[in-house]
Protein backbone atom coordinates (compact mmCIF):
# COMPACT_ATOMS: atom_id res chain seq x y z
CA UNK A 1 -27.51 2.04 -6.84
CA UNK A 2 -24.50 4.29 -6.48
CA UNK A 3 -21.45 4.39 -4.24
CA UNK A 4 -20.61 7.98 -3.38
CA UNK A 5 -17.62 8.97 -1.24
CA UNK A 6 -17.52 12.45 0.25
CA UNK A 7 -14.92 14.46 2.14
CA UNK A 8 -17.22 16.02 4.72
CA UNK A 9 -14.61 18.51 5.93
CA UNK A 10 -14.18 19.92 2.43
CA UNK A 11 -17.81 19.28 1.48
CA UNK A 12 -16.56 17.64 -1.69
CA UNK A 13 -17.65 14.56 -3.66
CA UNK A 14 -14.54 12.41 -4.16
CA UNK A 15 -15.88 9.37 -5.99
CA UNK A 16 -19.06 8.10 -7.64
CA UNK A 17 -19.49 4.56 -8.94
CA UNK A 18 -22.56 2.65 -10.16
CA UNK A 19 -23.50 -0.83 -8.99
CA UNK A 20 -23.81 -3.68 -11.48
CA UNK A 21 -27.56 -3.98 -10.82
CA UNK A 22 -29.95 -2.77 -8.15
CA UNK A 23 -29.21 -1.11 -4.85
CA UNK A 24 -26.06 -1.31 -2.76
CA UNK A 25 -27.05 -2.60 0.68
CA UNK A 26 -23.76 -2.64 2.59
CA UNK A 27 -20.29 -1.11 2.47
CA UNK A 28 -17.01 -1.42 4.37
CA UNK A 29 -13.61 0.32 4.13
CA UNK A 30 -10.42 -1.74 4.33
CA UNK A 31 -8.46 -1.06 7.54
CA UNK A 32 -5.78 0.80 5.53
CA UNK A 33 -8.43 2.86 3.65
CA UNK A 34 -7.20 1.66 0.24
CA UNK A 35 -10.24 -0.43 -0.73
CA UNK A 36 -14.00 -0.39 -0.32
CA UNK A 37 -16.08 -3.55 -0.51
CA UNK A 38 -19.80 -3.40 -1.25
CA UNK A 39 -22.66 -5.87 -1.49
CA UNK A 40 -26.19 -5.50 -2.71
CA UNK A 41 -29.14 -6.65 -4.75
CA UNK A 42 -26.97 -7.93 -7.60
CA UNK A 43 -25.76 -10.87 -5.39
CA UNK A 44 -22.11 -9.80 -5.95
CA UNK A 45 -19.42 -8.48 -3.66
CA UNK A 46 -17.46 -5.73 -5.36
CA UNK A 47 -14.00 -4.45 -4.45
CA UNK A 48 -13.33 -0.82 -5.36
CA UNK A 49 -9.92 0.86 -5.35
CA UNK A 50 -10.34 4.25 -3.74
CA UNK A 51 -7.00 5.50 -5.09
CA UNK A 52 -7.76 4.41 -8.68
CA UNK A 53 -11.49 5.22 -8.44
CA UNK A 54 -12.52 1.95 -10.13
CA UNK A 55 -13.64 -1.62 -9.57
CA UNK A 56 -10.73 -4.01 -9.16
CA UNK A 57 -12.66 -7.25 -8.55
CA UNK A 58 -16.16 -8.63 -8.36
CA UNK A 59 -16.97 -11.86 -6.51
CA UNK A 60 -19.86 -14.21 -7.20
CA UNK A 61 -20.92 -16.75 -4.61
CA UNK A 62 -24.19 -15.69 -3.05
CA UNK A 63 -27.55 -16.87 -4.35
CA UNK A 64 -29.39 -13.82 -3.03
CA UNK A 65 -28.82 -10.23 -1.93
CA UNK A 66 -25.63 -9.50 0.00
CA UNK A 67 -26.68 -7.84 3.24
CA UNK A 68 -23.40 -7.37 5.15
CA UNK A 69 -19.67 -7.09 4.38
CA UNK A 70 -16.75 -6.58 6.74
CA UNK A 71 -12.96 -6.57 6.40
CA UNK A 72 -10.89 -8.69 8.79
CA UNK A 73 -8.54 -6.19 10.49
CA UNK A 74 -6.07 -9.01 11.27
CA UNK A 75 -5.52 -9.90 7.61
CA UNK A 76 -4.56 -6.58 6.10
CA UNK A 77 -0.83 -6.41 5.52
CA UNK A 78 1.72 -6.93 2.78
CA UNK A 79 -0.98 -6.52 0.13
CA UNK A 80 -3.16 -9.34 1.51
CA UNK A 81 -6.77 -8.75 2.53
CA UNK A 82 -9.66 -10.83 3.84
CA UNK A 83 -13.29 -9.88 4.17
CA UNK A 84 -16.54 -11.65 4.93
CA UNK A 85 -19.96 -11.33 3.35
CA UNK A 86 -23.37 -12.49 4.52
CA UNK A 87 -26.30 -12.83 2.18
CA UNK A 88 -30.04 -13.32 2.34
CA UNK A 89 -29.24 -16.90 1.28
CA UNK A 90 -27.94 -17.47 4.87
CA UNK A 91 -24.36 -18.01 3.66
CA UNK A 92 -21.28 -16.55 5.33
CA UNK A 93 -18.48 -16.36 2.76
CA UNK A 94 -14.83 -15.50 3.39
CA UNK A 95 -12.89 -13.81 0.59
CA UNK A 96 -9.12 -13.39 0.31
CA UNK A 97 -7.41 -11.21 -2.25
CA UNK A 98 -3.87 -10.03 -2.87
CA UNK A 99 -2.84 -6.85 -4.64
CA UNK A 100 -0.59 -8.68 -7.09
CA UNK A 101 -3.45 -10.89 -8.28
CA UNK A 102 -5.59 -7.93 -9.25
CA UNK A 103 -5.14 -6.80 -12.83
CA UNK A 104 -6.82 -4.64 -15.40
CA UNK A 105 -8.42 -6.73 -18.15
CA UNK A 106 -7.03 -6.15 -21.61
CA UNK A 107 -9.22 -4.26 -24.03
CA UNK A 108 -10.80 -6.28 -26.75
CA UNK A 109 -10.31 -4.72 -30.13
CA UNK A 110 -13.00 -5.35 -32.62
CA UNK A 111 -11.94 -6.52 -36.02
CA UNK A 112 -14.29 -6.04 -38.93
CA UNK A 113 -14.52 -9.12 -41.07
CA UNK A 114 -15.80 -9.17 -44.60
CA UNK A 115 -17.73 -12.29 -45.55
CA UNK A 116 -18.51 -13.25 -49.08
CA UNK A 117 -21.16 -15.73 -50.09
CA UNK A 118 -20.33 -18.21 -52.83
């Protein structure tokens, strides 16, 4: 599935992102509109940075589709966030994340190795 964010007033597509696998089933904006969390058929919760237009974290914990996600409006300050997810596995999971713990993974550079047989 795809996450698409539109500005309806300007009739403009602002962001398009693809899910890891399958359909996205639920979505929620952070109270400060900086992040979007999604859940779906891939059993993951995914945190998207709206400003950076990219995934900043992906959480694994459900054993089946994630059917609902929601940010906690009381834990959204000083770079700290909390959200909940509910899955078809009947689990309610609470997730906390802080801005300073999110980082961009380093790129792996491929090195060509030459092997010789003796």
